[in-house]
Protein backbone atom coordinates (compact mmCIF):
# COMPACT_ATOMS: atom_id res chain seq x y z
CA MET A 1 46.71 25.64 46.24
CA GLY A 2 45.21 26.30 42.89
CA ILE A 3 43.44 22.97 42.34
CA PHE A 4 40.29 24.49 41.18
CA GLU A 5 41.93 27.30 39.29
CA LYS A 6 41.18 27.62 35.54
CA ARG A 7 43.26 30.69 34.53
CA HIS A 8 46.07 28.86 32.76
CA GLN A 9 46.02 27.41 29.34
CA PRO A 10 48.68 24.74 29.12
CA ARG A 11 50.35 24.09 25.71
CA ILE A 12 49.93 20.39 25.56
CA LEU A 13 50.84 18.07 22.67
CA ARG A 14 48.82 14.84 22.88
CA THR A 15 49.70 11.78 20.82
CA GLN A 16 47.54 11.51 17.66
CA LYS A 17 48.28 8.31 15.74
CA ILE A 18 48.20 8.17 11.98
CA SER A 19 48.68 4.98 9.86
CA TYR A 20 51.57 4.85 7.57
CA ALA A 21 49.30 4.56 4.57
CA ASP A 22 47.41 7.77 5.41
CA LEU A 23 50.51 9.70 6.14
CA HIS A 24 52.10 8.75 2.89
CA PHE A 25 48.85 9.60 1.01
CA GLN A 26 48.63 13.09 2.72
CA LEU A 27 52.33 13.92 1.98
CA ARG A 28 51.95 12.90 -1.73
CA LEU A 29 48.64 14.78 -2.06
CA SER A 30 50.16 18.03 -0.54
CA ARG A 31 53.21 18.00 -2.83
CA GLY A 32 51.96 16.35 -6.01
CA ASP A 33 54.88 13.91 -5.92
CA LEU A 34 53.59 10.37 -6.43
CA SER A 35 57.08 8.55 -6.33
CA LEU A 36 59.22 10.02 -3.50
CA LYS A 37 58.79 8.61 0.02
CA PRO A 38 60.75 11.00 2.29
CA ILE A 39 59.58 9.20 5.36
CA PHE A 40 62.01 7.98 8.13
CA ILE A 41 60.62 5.36 10.26
CA VAL A 42 62.10 4.76 13.77
CA ALA A 43 61.18 2.50 16.66
CA SER A 44 61.64 3.61 20.21
CA VAL A 45 61.97 0.58 22.53
CA GLU A 46 61.97 1.58 26.23
CA LEU A 47 62.19 -0.70 29.30
CA GLY A 48 60.74 1.42 32.15
CA ASN A 49 60.15 0.67 35.75
CA SER A 50 56.36 0.51 35.26
CA THR A 51 55.80 0.05 31.52
CA THR A 52 57.70 -1.21 28.46
CA LYS A 53 56.87 0.56 25.25
CA ALA A 54 57.50 0.28 21.58
CA ILE A 55 56.49 3.52 19.82
CA LEU A 56 56.87 3.85 16.00
CA THR A 57 57.42 7.27 14.52
CA ALA A 58 57.58 8.52 11.08
CA THR A 59 59.47 11.72 10.27
CA ASP A 60 58.78 13.72 7.12
CA LEU A 61 62.37 14.59 6.10
CA ARG A 62 61.19 17.52 4.13
CA SER A 63 59.41 19.40 6.93
CA GLY A 64 61.24 17.73 9.86
CA ARG A 65 57.92 16.91 11.62
CA THR A 66 57.57 13.60 13.45
CA TYR A 67 54.27 11.55 13.48
CA ILE A 68 53.19 8.78 15.80
CA LEU A 69 52.34 5.74 13.79
CA ASP A 70 51.28 3.48 16.69
CA LYS A 71 52.52 2.16 20.05
CA ALA A 72 52.26 -0.89 22.16
CA VAL A 73 52.53 -0.56 25.96
CA ARG A 74 52.88 -3.38 28.36
CA MET A 75 53.50 -3.58 32.13
CA THR A 76 57.12 -4.30 32.87
CA ARG A 77 55.93 -6.64 35.62
CA GLU A 78 54.89 -9.05 32.82
CA ALA A 79 58.67 -9.84 32.65
CA LEU A 80 58.95 -10.92 36.18
CA SER A 81 61.57 -13.67 36.37
CA PRO A 82 63.05 -14.39 39.74
CA ARG A 83 65.13 -17.09 38.33
CA ASN A 84 68.35 -15.79 36.65
CA ALA A 85 67.50 -12.26 37.43
CA PHE A 86 70.21 -9.74 37.16
CA CYS A 87 68.39 -6.50 37.83
CA HIS A 88 65.02 -5.24 39.22
CA THR A 89 62.72 -2.32 38.89
CA ILE A 90 62.21 0.22 41.67
CA SER A 91 59.16 -1.80 42.79
CA MET A 92 61.27 -4.86 42.98
CA VAL A 93 60.10 -6.69 39.84
CA ASP A 94 63.06 -9.20 39.23
CA LEU A 95 64.10 -9.27 35.59
CA SER A 96 66.39 -11.64 33.72
CA GLU A 97 68.03 -11.17 30.28
CA GLY A 98 65.70 -13.62 28.76
CA SER A 99 62.52 -12.17 30.29
CA ILE A 100 63.44 -8.58 29.00
CA ALA A 101 64.36 -9.77 25.53
CA ASP A 102 61.08 -11.75 25.31
CA LEU A 103 58.98 -8.77 26.50
CA VAL A 104 60.66 -6.49 24.16
CA LYS A 105 60.16 -8.81 21.23
CA LYS A 106 56.42 -9.16 21.83
CA THR A 107 56.03 -5.37 22.41
CA LEU A 108 57.81 -4.34 19.21
CA GLN A 109 56.04 -6.90 17.08
CA GLU A 110 52.70 -5.75 18.47
CA ALA A 111 53.48 -2.20 17.64
CA ALA A 112 54.46 -3.06 14.11
CA ARG A 113 51.25 -5.07 13.54
CA SER A 114 49.19 -2.32 14.95
CA ALA A 115 50.90 0.23 12.74
CA GLY A 116 50.22 -1.92 9.61
CA ILE A 117 54.01 -2.24 8.77
CA THR A 118 56.65 -5.00 9.11
CA ILE A 119 59.82 -4.93 11.23
CA ALA A 120 61.72 -4.78 7.94
CA ASP A 121 60.07 -1.44 7.24
CA LEU A 122 61.92 0.15 10.16
CA HIS A 123 64.80 2.26 9.18
CA PHE A 124 66.23 2.57 12.67
CA VAL A 125 65.74 1.41 16.29
CA VAL A 126 66.66 3.15 19.42
CA ARG A 127 66.81 1.39 22.92
CA SER A 128 66.66 3.19 26.22
CA THR A 129 65.92 2.24 29.85
CA GLY A 130 65.10 3.68 33.17
CA VAL A 131 65.55 0.38 35.11
CA THR A 132 68.59 1.20 37.28
CA ALA A 133 67.49 0.52 40.78
CA CYS A 134 69.69 -2.42 41.45
CA PHE A 135 72.93 -1.01 39.95
CA SER A 136 75.54 0.61 41.99
CA LYS A 137 77.45 1.97 39.03
CA VAL A 138 76.32 3.85 35.95
CA GLU A 139 78.22 1.42 33.71
CA GLU A 140 76.20 -1.59 34.89
CA VAL A 141 73.08 -0.27 33.04
CA GLU A 142 74.74 -1.55 29.84
CA GLY A 143 73.57 -5.14 30.83
CA VAL A 144 69.80 -3.95 30.37
CA THR A 145 70.77 -2.27 27.07
CA LYS A 146 72.23 -5.52 25.76
CA ALA A 147 69.00 -7.38 26.73
CA LEU A 148 67.06 -4.79 24.96
CA ALA A 149 69.08 -5.37 21.84
CA GLU A 150 68.65 -9.21 22.01
CA GLY A 151 64.79 -8.63 22.18
CA CYS A 152 64.98 -6.38 19.12
CA ILE A 153 67.13 -8.95 17.23
CA LEU A 154 64.60 -11.63 18.18
CA ALA A 155 61.79 -9.51 16.80
CA GLY A 156 63.64 -9.37 13.48
CA VAL A 157 65.72 -6.19 13.65
CA PRO A 158 69.15 -6.50 12.11
CA PRO A 159 71.98 -5.12 14.38
CA ARG A 160 73.06 -2.59 11.67
CA LYS A 161 69.73 -0.75 12.22
CA MET A 162 70.57 -0.19 15.85
CA ILE A 163 73.93 1.58 15.32
CA SER A 164 74.83 4.88 13.63
CA PRO A 165 75.70 4.55 9.97
CA MET A 166 79.24 5.44 9.24
CA LEU A 167 78.94 5.76 5.32
CA ILE A 168 76.29 7.13 3.07
CA GLU A 169 76.07 3.67 1.59
CA ASN A 170 74.73 2.34 4.99
CA ILE A 171 71.65 4.49 4.44
CA THR A 172 68.66 3.02 2.59
CA PRO A 173 68.78 4.29 -1.01
CA ASP A 174 65.44 5.90 -0.88
CA LEU A 175 66.69 8.37 1.86
CA ARG A 176 70.20 8.93 0.79
CA ALA A 177 69.37 12.17 -1.00
CA PHE A 178 68.21 13.65 2.39
CA SER A 179 71.43 12.98 4.15
CA ARG A 180 74.29 15.38 4.54
CA MET A 181 76.73 12.68 5.63
CA THR A 182 79.08 13.65 2.79
CA ARG A 183 79.64 16.97 4.36
CA THR A 184 79.18 16.35 8.11
CA TYR A 185 79.50 13.46 10.54
CA PHE A 186 77.64 12.69 13.72
CA ASP A 187 79.81 13.82 16.59
CA GLY A 188 77.58 13.07 19.39
CA ALA A 189 75.64 16.24 19.52
CA VAL A 190 71.82 15.79 19.43
CA THR A 191 69.63 18.91 18.51
CA GLY A 192 72.74 21.06 19.01
CA ASN A 193 73.48 19.85 22.53
CA ILE A 194 76.96 18.33 23.14
CA PRO A 195 76.85 15.70 25.78
CA PRO A 196 79.21 15.78 28.77
CA GLY A 197 82.55 14.13 27.93
CA GLY A 198 84.09 11.12 29.50
CA GLU A 199 82.03 9.06 32.05
CA SER A 200 78.20 9.22 32.23
CA ILE A 201 76.79 11.26 34.96
CA VAL A 202 73.51 9.38 35.72
CA GLY A 203 72.30 5.89 35.11
CA ASN A 204 69.51 7.08 32.80
CA GLU A 205 71.70 9.55 30.94
CA MET A 206 70.33 8.63 27.57
CA GLU A 207 66.67 9.13 28.68
CA GLY A 208 67.60 12.81 29.58
CA GLU A 209 69.15 13.25 26.10
CA LEU A 210 66.10 11.84 24.22
CA VAL A 211 63.43 13.67 26.03
CA THR A 212 65.26 17.02 25.60
CA ALA A 213 65.30 16.24 21.82
CA GLY A 214 61.76 15.01 21.76
CA LEU A 215 60.55 18.14 23.50
CA LYS A 216 62.29 20.19 20.90
CA GLU A 217 60.48 18.40 18.19
CA ALA A 218 57.08 18.48 19.99
CA ALA A 219 57.41 22.23 20.48
CA LYS A 220 57.22 22.59 16.49
CA TRP A 221 53.72 21.51 16.70
CA LEU A 222 53.01 23.99 19.52
CA ASP A 223 54.41 26.91 17.89
CA VAL A 224 56.94 27.45 20.54
CA ASP A 225 60.64 28.12 19.98
CA TYR A 226 61.97 25.44 22.24
CA ARG A 227 65.59 25.70 21.32
CA SER A 228 68.51 26.27 23.72
CA PRO A 229 68.47 27.38 26.45
CA VAL A 230 66.01 24.80 27.74
CA SER A 231 65.21 22.76 30.93
CA SER A 232 63.59 19.49 30.29
CA LEU A 233 61.93 17.24 32.86
CA ASP A 234 60.73 13.68 32.20
CA PHE A 235 58.37 12.35 34.85
CA GLY A 236 58.27 8.77 34.26
CA THR A 237 58.78 6.39 37.20
CA THR A 238 62.36 7.80 37.52
CA LEU A 239 63.21 11.39 36.87
CA SER A 240 65.47 12.45 34.08
CA GLY A 241 66.15 15.64 32.18
CA ARG A 242 68.70 18.31 31.28
CA ILE A 243 69.31 21.96 31.45
CA THR A 244 71.27 23.59 28.61
CA ASP A 245 72.95 27.04 27.98
CA ASP A 246 72.78 29.18 24.82
CA LYS A 247 76.15 28.52 23.29
CA VAL A 248 76.41 27.94 19.44
CA PRO A 249 76.82 25.84 17.41
CA TYR A 250 76.59 23.44 20.38
CA ALA A 251 74.90 24.27 23.64
CA CYS A 252 76.43 22.68 26.79
CA ILE A 253 74.72 20.65 29.41
CA THR A 254 74.71 22.71 32.65
CA GLY A 255 72.40 20.70 34.83
CA SER A 256 71.04 17.20 35.06
CA PHE A 257 67.97 15.83 36.88
CA CYS A 258 67.75 12.38 38.59
CA GLY A 259 65.94 10.47 41.12
CA LEU A 260 62.32 9.79 41.72
CA ALA A 261 59.24 10.95 39.79
CA GLY A 262 56.28 8.60 39.22
CA ALA A 263 57.56 6.26 41.90
CA ILE A 264 56.34 8.71 44.47
CA PRO A 265 52.60 8.58 43.43
CA ASP A 266 53.08 4.93 42.81
CA ALA A 267 54.01 4.57 46.41
CA ILE A 268 50.87 6.34 47.39
CA VAL A 269 48.63 3.72 45.84
CA THR A 270 50.91 0.73 46.86
CA LYS A 271 48.45 -0.45 49.66
CA VAL A 272 45.34 0.81 47.80
CA VAL A 273 45.51 -1.01 44.43
CA LYS A 274 45.12 -4.80 44.88
CA VAL A 275 47.47 -6.07 42.36
CA ASP A 276 51.00 -7.13 42.58
CA PHE A 277 53.62 -4.31 41.93
CA PRO A 278 50.95 -1.64 41.57
CA SER A 279 51.31 1.70 40.00
CA VAL A 280 49.00 4.76 39.42
CA LEU A 281 48.34 3.32 35.95
CA ASP A 282 46.26 0.68 37.70
CA LEU A 283 43.76 3.61 38.60
CA ALA A 284 43.15 4.55 35.10
CA GLY A 285 39.56 5.30 34.17
CA ARG A 286 38.31 6.18 37.58
CA SER A 287 36.16 9.36 37.65
CA ILE A 288 36.96 12.19 40.14
CA PRO A 289 34.14 14.13 41.59
CA TRP A 290 36.16 17.36 41.98
CA LYS A 291 33.35 19.36 43.47
CA ARG A 292 33.48 17.24 46.55
CA ILE A 293 37.20 17.63 47.02
CA LYS A 294 38.21 19.86 50.14
CA ARG A 295 41.39 21.71 49.34
CA GLU A 296 42.40 21.70 53.04
CA VAL A 297 42.25 17.98 53.17
CA VAL A 298 44.54 17.77 50.04
CA LYS A 299 46.96 20.18 51.49
CA GLY A 300 47.30 18.25 54.69
CA TYR A 301 48.16 15.03 52.96
CA VAL A 302 50.43 16.64 50.43
CA ASP A 303 52.41 18.30 53.15
CA ALA A 304 52.67 14.96 54.93
CA ILE A 305 54.07 13.22 51.80
CA LEU A 306 56.42 16.08 50.90
CA ARG A 307 58.00 15.68 54.40
CA GLN A 308 59.12 12.31 53.23
CA VAL A 309 60.68 13.75 50.07
CA CYS A 310 63.87 15.87 49.55
CA ILE A 311 64.99 17.85 46.55
CA GLU A 312 68.46 18.79 46.58
CA THR A 313 71.67 19.51 44.82
CA VAL A 314 73.60 16.16 44.72
CA LYS A 315 77.17 16.45 45.96
CA GLY A 316 79.74 14.70 48.08
CA ASP A 317 80.02 10.97 48.02
CA ARG A 318 76.43 10.13 46.90
CA THR A 319 76.51 7.19 44.52
CA ARG A 320 72.74 6.77 44.20
CA VAL A 321 69.74 9.08 44.32
CA GLY A 322 66.26 7.57 44.36
CA GLY A 323 67.71 4.16 42.99
CA VAL A 324 69.50 5.89 40.16
CA PRO A 325 73.24 5.55 40.04
CA VAL A 326 75.02 8.97 39.82
CA ASN A 327 78.63 9.90 39.26
CA VAL A 328 79.09 13.16 41.16
CA ASP A 329 82.81 13.31 40.17
CA ALA A 330 82.00 13.15 36.52
CA ALA A 331 79.28 15.88 37.01
CA GLU A 332 81.83 18.26 38.71
CA LYS A 333 84.51 17.54 35.96
CA ASN A 334 81.97 18.52 33.38
CA GLY A 335 80.62 21.53 35.13
CA VAL A 336 77.13 19.97 35.39
CA VAL A 337 74.88 20.51 38.56
CA LEU A 338 73.04 17.43 39.60
CA ILE A 339 69.54 18.04 41.03
CA GLY A 340 67.85 14.99 42.46
CA VAL A 341 64.57 13.78 44.16
CA ASP A 342 64.62 11.15 46.78
CA ALA A 343 62.40 9.70 49.40
CA GLY A 344 64.56 9.53 52.46
CA ASP A 345 67.96 7.83 51.89
CA ASN A 346 67.71 6.10 48.53
CA LEU A 347 63.93 5.14 48.66
CA SER A 348 63.88 4.52 52.43
CA ASN A 349 60.83 6.69 52.97
CA LEU A 350 58.62 5.07 50.25
CA PRO A 351 56.97 2.73 52.74
CA LYS A 352 55.93 5.78 54.89
CA ILE A 353 54.45 7.30 51.89
CA ALA A 354 52.57 4.07 51.17
CA ASP A 355 51.10 4.24 54.68
CA ILE A 356 50.07 7.92 54.25
CA GLY A 357 48.33 6.78 50.98
CA ALA A 358 46.49 3.93 52.92
CA GLU A 359 45.41 6.40 55.59
CA LEU A 360 44.20 8.91 52.93
CA VAL A 361 41.77 6.30 51.51
CA LYS A 362 40.66 5.04 54.81
CA GLU A 363 39.95 8.56 56.19
CA GLU A 364 38.76 10.39 53.09
CA GLY A 365 38.17 7.87 50.35
CA GLU A 366 39.68 7.05 46.99
CA ARG A 367 38.42 10.19 45.37
CA TYR A 368 41.21 12.14 47.07
CA ILE A 369 44.02 9.99 45.60
CA ILE A 370 44.39 11.75 42.21
CA PRO A 371 44.03 15.33 43.63
CA VAL A 372 46.70 14.61 46.08
CA ILE A 373 48.93 13.00 43.33
CA ASP A 374 48.37 15.94 40.94
CA GLU A 375 49.39 18.46 43.61
CA ILE A 376 52.46 16.47 44.53
CA ALA A 377 53.64 16.56 40.95
CA ALA A 378 53.18 20.37 40.81
CA CYS A 379 55.06 20.67 43.96
CA LEU A 380 57.98 18.52 42.70
CA VAL A 381 58.27 20.56 39.40
CA GLU A 382 58.17 23.78 41.54
CA GLY A 383 60.92 22.42 43.75
CA LEU A 384 63.17 21.23 40.87
CA VAL A 385 62.93 24.42 38.80
CA GLY A 386 63.29 26.46 42.05
CA ARG A 387 66.50 24.65 42.88
CA ALA A 388 67.74 25.09 39.33
CA LYS A 389 66.94 28.86 39.54
CA GLU A 390 68.80 29.00 42.94
CA GLU A 391 71.84 27.38 41.32
CA GLY A 392 71.90 30.03 38.50
CA LEU A 393 71.31 27.48 35.72
CA LEU A 394 68.22 29.15 34.23
CA LEU A 395 68.83 31.97 31.76
CA PRO A 396 66.26 34.77 31.18
CA ASP A 397 64.86 32.97 28.13
CA THR A 398 65.15 29.42 29.25
CA LYS A 399 62.02 27.42 28.22
CA ILE A 400 60.70 24.66 30.33
CA GLY A 401 59.47 21.29 28.80
CA ILE A 402 57.68 18.55 30.81
CA THR A 403 56.87 14.93 29.70
CA GLY A 404 55.96 11.72 31.32
CA ARG A 405 52.92 10.23 32.86
CA ALA A 406 53.71 11.70 36.39
CA GLY A 407 53.93 15.19 34.92
CA ILE A 408 51.28 15.84 32.18
CA THR A 409 48.18 13.79 33.24
CA GLY A 410 45.07 15.01 35.09
CA LYS A 411 45.20 18.60 36.31
CA LYS A 412 48.95 18.59 36.59
CA PRO A 413 49.67 21.09 33.73
CA GLU A 414 47.38 23.70 35.09
CA LEU A 415 48.70 23.31 38.73
CA ILE A 416 52.46 23.31 37.46
CA LEU A 417 51.73 26.48 35.57
CA ASP A 418 50.21 28.14 38.52
CA LYS A 419 53.19 27.37 40.71
CA LEU A 420 55.84 28.25 38.11
CA SER A 421 53.96 31.68 37.45
CA ASN A 422 54.27 32.40 41.16
CA LEU A 423 57.86 31.31 41.21
CA PHE A 424 58.99 33.61 38.42
CA GLY A 425 56.47 36.37 39.05
CA ARG A 426 54.91 36.31 35.60
CA ASN A 427 52.47 34.16 33.57
CA MET A 428 54.39 31.14 32.29
CA ASP A 429 51.74 29.74 29.89
CA ASN A 430 53.94 30.49 26.73
CA GLU A 431 57.24 29.52 28.36
CA VAL A 432 56.32 25.93 29.42
CA ILE A 433 55.26 23.13 27.15
CA PHE A 434 53.82 19.71 27.88
CA ALA A 435 54.18 16.69 25.49
CA ASP A 436 53.19 13.02 25.53
CA ASP A 437 55.77 10.55 24.28
CA ALA A 438 58.70 13.01 24.14
CA LEU A 439 61.11 10.13 24.57
CA ALA A 440 59.87 8.42 21.47
CA ARG A 441 59.92 11.67 19.52
CA GLY A 442 63.52 12.01 20.81
CA THR A 443 64.44 8.69 19.31
CA ALA A 444 63.35 9.83 15.83
CA VAL A 445 65.35 13.01 16.33
CA LEU A 446 68.40 11.01 17.35
CA GLY A 447 68.11 8.75 14.38
CA ARG A 448 67.99 11.85 12.17
CA CYS A 449 71.19 13.25 13.79
CA MET A 450 72.98 10.02 13.32
CA HIS A 451 71.92 9.91 9.70
CA GLN A 452 72.54 13.68 9.22
CA PHE A 453 68.96 14.20 8.08
CA GLY A 454 68.73 17.91 8.99
CA THR A 455 66.17 20.43 7.90
CA ALA A 456 67.80 23.82 7.60
CA GLY A 457 64.39 25.52 7.06
CA ASN A 458 63.02 24.17 10.25
CA PRO A 459 65.85 23.67 12.58
CA ILE A 460 65.68 21.94 15.92
CA GLY A 461 69.14 22.81 17.04
CA GLY A 462 70.56 26.17 17.77
CA VAL A 463 69.43 28.99 19.88
CA GLN A 464 65.96 30.62 20.22
CA GLY A 465 65.43 33.40 17.67
CA HIS A 466 68.32 32.44 15.48
CA GLY A 467 68.57 30.39 12.35
CA CYS A 468 70.19 27.02 11.46
CA VAL A 469 73.67 26.31 12.86
CA TYR A 470 74.53 23.91 10.04
CA GLY A 471 77.20 26.20 8.48
CA GLN A 472 78.79 26.71 11.87
CA ARG A 473 78.95 22.96 12.38
CA VAL A 474 80.63 22.35 9.07
CA LYS A 475 83.28 24.99 9.99
CA LEU A 476 83.88 23.50 13.45
CA GLN A 477 84.08 19.86 12.12
CA LYS A 478 86.65 20.96 9.45
CA LYS A 479 88.85 22.14 12.22
CA ILE A 480 88.62 18.70 14.16
CA PRO A 481 89.95 15.54 12.48
CA ILE A 482 87.21 12.94 12.40
CA ASN A 483 89.36 10.43 14.17
CA SER A 484 89.43 12.60 17.27
CA ALA A 485 85.74 13.38 17.38
CA ASP A 486 83.33 11.66 19.77
CA VAL A 487 81.62 9.77 16.98
CA LYS A 488 79.06 7.42 18.47
């Protein structure tokens, strides 16, 4: 099974925080410029099924590199509000518009205080959510997005900092010199990927877009050319991600991931952790005596859990996969293959997985929980990438990127590399990247795209092995009247 293998060297980008003052000092010192502040500060506000985060990033607009200033993380269950609830998480935490807004306000203000800046210092704020479990249609997710906006406004963020600037005058004077808005406009493409047209395909569509962009930025720190074609996977509580082709100047989305990710290991600990609405995060800090772990025991329980899980290409009349609303018709119209993970029929097998987790602890002890969870994660990645390979979505040079708590913690990266190397018949250490907080990094990239803060010398968009596609974008946009473009 590879649990004890050490022959792989994962390329992992772990979040390292830096204060705004230290970053500003470092950039001034390295350039000998004591006046200019080419730093673009973006807040990522995410309401997840398990956690709610506010992560503050600072992008050096000369190099294009993004730094993490600080972050605040709270359990979404803190916003429990049965009264006036209009949505709930996968673990059935009832949420109201007011409770979401209040939690977002507190989380964003906490992150700003920790980073040593004020809300007024933020240049842009991006909101996203994975809470889709109670919705039957993709469009209904907009209600959560509005609640997130209300929370940001309560924290002191003006609405203009949550929408794309239409004119150069809408950009703060200190940063206007770095914008190419007088020559190009934001047409919906992020890091050179053009989103599917028309209706959204999955309920957490924006998460897939952001993590793909964030993984591309993270790869710059890992010295990997993670430009199109790529396959990105976000293993939060729910699954999101995209597969792209290698067209220029804009790559097309050929595949989209949806369904369950961290919700499966969360189910394993449901009857083990003695808190309301538990998750694997509640096991944090527990040591694992790996030398006492028997691989045959792990394999037996992993097999039992995987029998309750299905990985499939989503077709037909399906409207939900693992609690996530999907639009199969929209996917087919756009030529996008939907690949999903579910436990039974729309979460129906999660209670059975909880029973298996309880049996595991009773028979073998808590020390087996994490090894089983890590192996489950590796099997899910193998199954998803394998299905994408069968569908013909992976090109010879497609790079794979993984982010999210259920995909990069513990021994998961080593196990994933072992399985993917077997799947492709070659060592995949240099073709797979792992990154913490890719969604937050993606919000910084989205903000740059909206403001046209490109870095031609260090491009994120385009195709592996090739240069910046900015010139091709200019030519393309000159052929298309701005009023007909999909300007967001």
